[in-house]
C-alpha atoms as a PDB file:
ATOM      1  CA  ALA A   1       0.000   0.000   0.000  1.00  0.00           C
ATOM      2  CA  TRP A   2       1.127   3.524  -0.776  1.00  0.00           C
ATOM      3  CA  TYR A   3      -0.182   6.519   1.192  1.00  0.00           C
ATOM      4  CA  TYR A   4      -0.571   9.932  -0.442  1.00  0.00           C
ATOM      5  CA  LEU A   5      -1.194  13.281   1.245  1.00  0.00           C
ATOM      6  CA  CYS A   6      -3.665  15.248  -0.897  1.00  0.00           C
ATOM      7  CA  SER A   7      -4.455  18.959  -0.719  1.00  0.00           C
ATOM      8  CA  ALA A   8      -5.763  21.546  -3.173  1.00  0.00           C
ATOM      9  CA  THR A   9      -7.229  24.988  -3.721  1.00  0.00           C
ATOM     10  CA  ILE A  10      -9.605  25.603  -6.609  1.00  0.00           C
ATOM     11  CA  ARG A  11      -9.981  29.020  -8.206  1.00  0.00           C
ATOM     12  CA  SER A  12     -13.607  29.552  -9.185  1.00  0.00           C
ATOM     13  CA  SER A  13     -14.820  32.086 -11.713  1.00  0.00           C
ATOM     14  CA  GLN A  14     -16.679  35.253 -10.861  1.00  0.00           C
ATOM     15  CA  GLN A  15     -20.211  33.986 -11.353  1.00  0.00           C
ATOM     16  CA  VAL A  16     -22.360  34.247  -8.245  1.00  0.00           C
ATOM     17  CA  VAL A  17     -23.272  30.730  -7.065  1.00  0.00           C
ATOM     18  CA  SER A  18     -24.947  29.631  -3.832  1.00  0.00           C
ATOM     19  CA  LYS A  19     -23.374  26.169  -3.305  1.00  0.00           C
ATOM     20  CA  LYS A  20     -20.075  24.570  -4.374  1.00  0.00           C
ATOM     21  CA  VAL A  21     -18.701  21.148  -3.337  1.00  0.00           C
ATOM     22  CA  ILE A  22     -15.089  19.956  -3.695  1.00  0.00           C
ATOM     23  CA  ALA A  23     -14.388  16.257  -3.066  1.00  0.00           C
ATOM     24  CA  TRP A  24     -11.502  13.789  -3.418  1.00  0.00           C
ATOM     25  CA  ARG A  25     -12.238  10.498  -5.164  1.00  0.00           C
ATOM     26  CA  LYS A  26     -10.377   7.187  -5.297  1.00  0.00           C
ATOM     27  CA  ASN A  27     -10.981   5.134  -8.463  1.00  0.00           C
ATOM     28  CA  GLY A  28     -13.913   7.394  -9.360  1.00  0.00           C
ATOM     29  CA  VAL A  29     -15.686   6.960  -6.007  1.00  0.00           C
ATOM     30  CA  GLN A  30     -15.762   9.670  -3.376  1.00  0.00           C
ATOM     31  CA  ALA A  31     -13.045   8.814  -0.843  1.00  0.00           C
ATOM     32  CA  SER A  32     -14.571   8.173   2.589  1.00  0.00           C
ATOM     33  CA  GLY A  33     -17.025  11.077   2.293  1.00  0.00           C
ATOM     34  CA  ILE A  34     -14.167  13.581   2.217  1.00  0.00           C
ATOM     35  CA  GLU A  35     -15.512  16.858   0.827  1.00  0.00           C
ATOM     36  CA  THR A  36     -15.703  20.583   1.450  1.00  0.00           C
ATOM     37  CA  ARG A  37     -19.025  22.405   1.028  1.00  0.00           C
ATOM     38  CA  PHE A  38     -19.508  26.138   0.590  1.00  0.00           C
ATOM     39  CA  GLN A  39     -23.044  27.466   0.887  1.00  0.00           C
ATOM     40  CA  THR A  40     -24.757  30.778   1.608  1.00  0.00           C
ATOM     41  CA  ASN A  41     -28.406  31.786   1.680  1.00  0.00           C
ATOM     42  CA  THR A  42     -27.827  34.955  -0.311  1.00  0.00           C
ATOM     43  CA  ASP A  43     -25.744  33.769  -3.310  1.00  0.00           C
ATOM     44  CA  GLU A  44     -22.643  35.488  -1.902  1.00  0.00           C
ATOM     45  CA  LEU A  45     -19.987  33.035  -3.124  1.00  0.00           C
ATOM     46  CA  THR A  46     -18.199  34.702  -6.002  1.00  0.00           C
ATOM     47  CA  SER A  47     -14.631  34.692  -7.297  1.00  0.00           C
ATOM     48  CA  SER A  48     -12.384  33.009  -4.747  1.00  0.00           C
ATOM     49  CA  ASN A  49      -9.861  30.294  -3.965  1.00  0.00           C
ATOM     50  CA  LEU A  50     -11.691  27.430  -2.298  1.00  0.00           C
ATOM     51  CA  PRO A  51      -9.755  24.798  -0.301  1.00  0.00           C
ATOM     52  CA  ALA A  52     -10.312  21.088  -0.757  1.00  0.00           C
ATOM     53  CA  PRO A  53     -10.005  19.036   2.430  1.00  0.00           C
ATOM     54  CA  THR A  54      -6.467  17.842   3.165  1.00  0.00           C
ATOM     55  CA  THR A  55      -6.532  14.063   3.477  1.00  0.00           C
ATOM     56  CA  LEU A  56      -4.467  10.876   3.353  1.00  0.00           C
ATOM     57  CA  ILE A  57      -5.495   8.360   0.678  1.00  0.00           C
ATOM     58  CA  GLU A  58      -4.194   4.784   0.377  1.00  0.00           C
ATOM     59  CA  LEU A  59      -3.472   3.402  -3.115  1.00  0.00           C
ATOM     60  CA  ASN A  60      -2.490  -0.153  -4.055  1.00  0.00           C
ATOM     61  CA  GLY A  61       0.354   0.897  -6.332  1.00  0.00           C
ATOM     62  CA  SER A  62      -1.003  -0.672  -9.524  1.00  0.00           C
ATOM     63  CA  GLY A  63      -4.495   0.319 -10.713  1.00  0.00           C
ATOM     64  CA  ASP A  64      -5.728   2.836  -8.127  1.00  0.00           C
ATOM     65  CA  TYR A  65      -5.954   6.531  -8.971  1.00  0.00           C
ATOM     66  CA  ILE A  66      -6.954   9.787  -7.272  1.00  0.00           C
ATOM     67  CA  ASP A  67      -9.010  12.626  -8.703  1.00  0.00           C
ATOM     68  CA  LEU A  68     -10.642  15.801  -7.432  1.00  0.00           C
ATOM     69  CA  VAL A  69     -14.173  16.885  -8.382  1.00  0.00           C
ATOM     70  CA  PHE A  70     -15.813  20.291  -8.228  1.00  0.00           C
ATOM     71  CA  ASN A  71     -19.625  20.356  -8.249  1.00  0.00           C
ATOM     72  CA  CYS A  72     -21.996  23.287  -8.339  1.00  0.00           C
ATOM     73  CA  GLU A  73     -25.785  23.469  -8.137  1.00  0.00           C
ATOM     74  CA  GLU A  74     -25.927  26.235 -10.751  1.00  0.00           C
ATOM     75  CA  ALA A  75     -24.314  26.742 -14.154  1.00  0.00           C
ATOM     76  CA  MET A  76     -20.760  28.100 -13.857  1.00  0.00           C
ATOM     77  CA  GLN A  77     -17.200  27.573 -15.049  1.00  0.00           C
ATOM     78  CA  LEU A  78     -13.765  27.354 -13.476  1.00  0.00           C
ATOM     79  CA  SER A  79     -11.405  30.042 -14.653  1.00  0.00           C
ATOM     80  CA  THR A  80      -7.947  31.424 -13.936  1.00  0.00           C
ATOM     81  CA  SER A  81      -7.663  33.817 -16.888  1.00  0.00           C
ATOM     82  CA  ASN A  82      -6.531  37.365 -16.044  1.00  0.00           C
ATOM     83  CA  ILE A  83      -6.488  36.541 -12.322  1.00  0.00           C
ATOM     84  CA  PRO A  84      -3.255  36.410 -10.287  1.00  0.00           C
ATOM     85  CA  ALA A  85      -4.426  33.453  -8.180  1.00  0.00           C
ATOM     86  CA  HIS A  86      -4.628  29.965  -9.660  1.00  0.00           C
ATOM     87  CA  SER A  87      -5.845  26.470  -8.838  1.00  0.00           C
ATOM     88  CA  GLU A  88      -3.327  24.133  -7.247  1.00  0.00           C
ATOM     89  CA  ILE A  89      -3.394  20.397  -6.545  1.00  0.00           C
ATOM     90  CA  ASN A  90      -0.743  18.719  -4.389  1.00  0.00           C
ATOM     91  CA  ILE A  91      -0.453  14.930  -4.125  1.00  0.00           C
ATOM     92  CA  ILE A  92       2.618  13.754  -2.224  1.00  0.00           C
ATOM     93  CA  LEU A  93       3.751  10.195  -1.492  1.00  0.00           C
ATOM     94  CA  VAL A  94       4.307  10.091   2.272  1.00  0.00           C
ATOM     95  CA  HIS A  95       4.669   6.349   2.939  1.00  0.00           C
ATOM     96  CA  ALA A  96       5.268   3.309   0.773  1.00  0.00           C
ATOM     97  CA  THR A  97       5.086  -0.213   2.203  1.00  0.00           C
END
């Protein structure tokens, strides 16, 4: 088993959206319910860097893979054009057995 430390920040575009969810997945399935939710009652979430939860994920070293998903309840897009901040994903091997 190989253990990876996963962290990320996602830069969202400037559309006003009321709820965004960022979640880690292992082999296409959400990893142990690990997600970050952002929600307001007044549609106040606009352009920002949103953190994904930092987590440790175990992979088998052959066919397993990790991905990160960003979901939104309204139409929007991710964008980093003309903005100094950017999205960043960090996946670091911390222990191999």
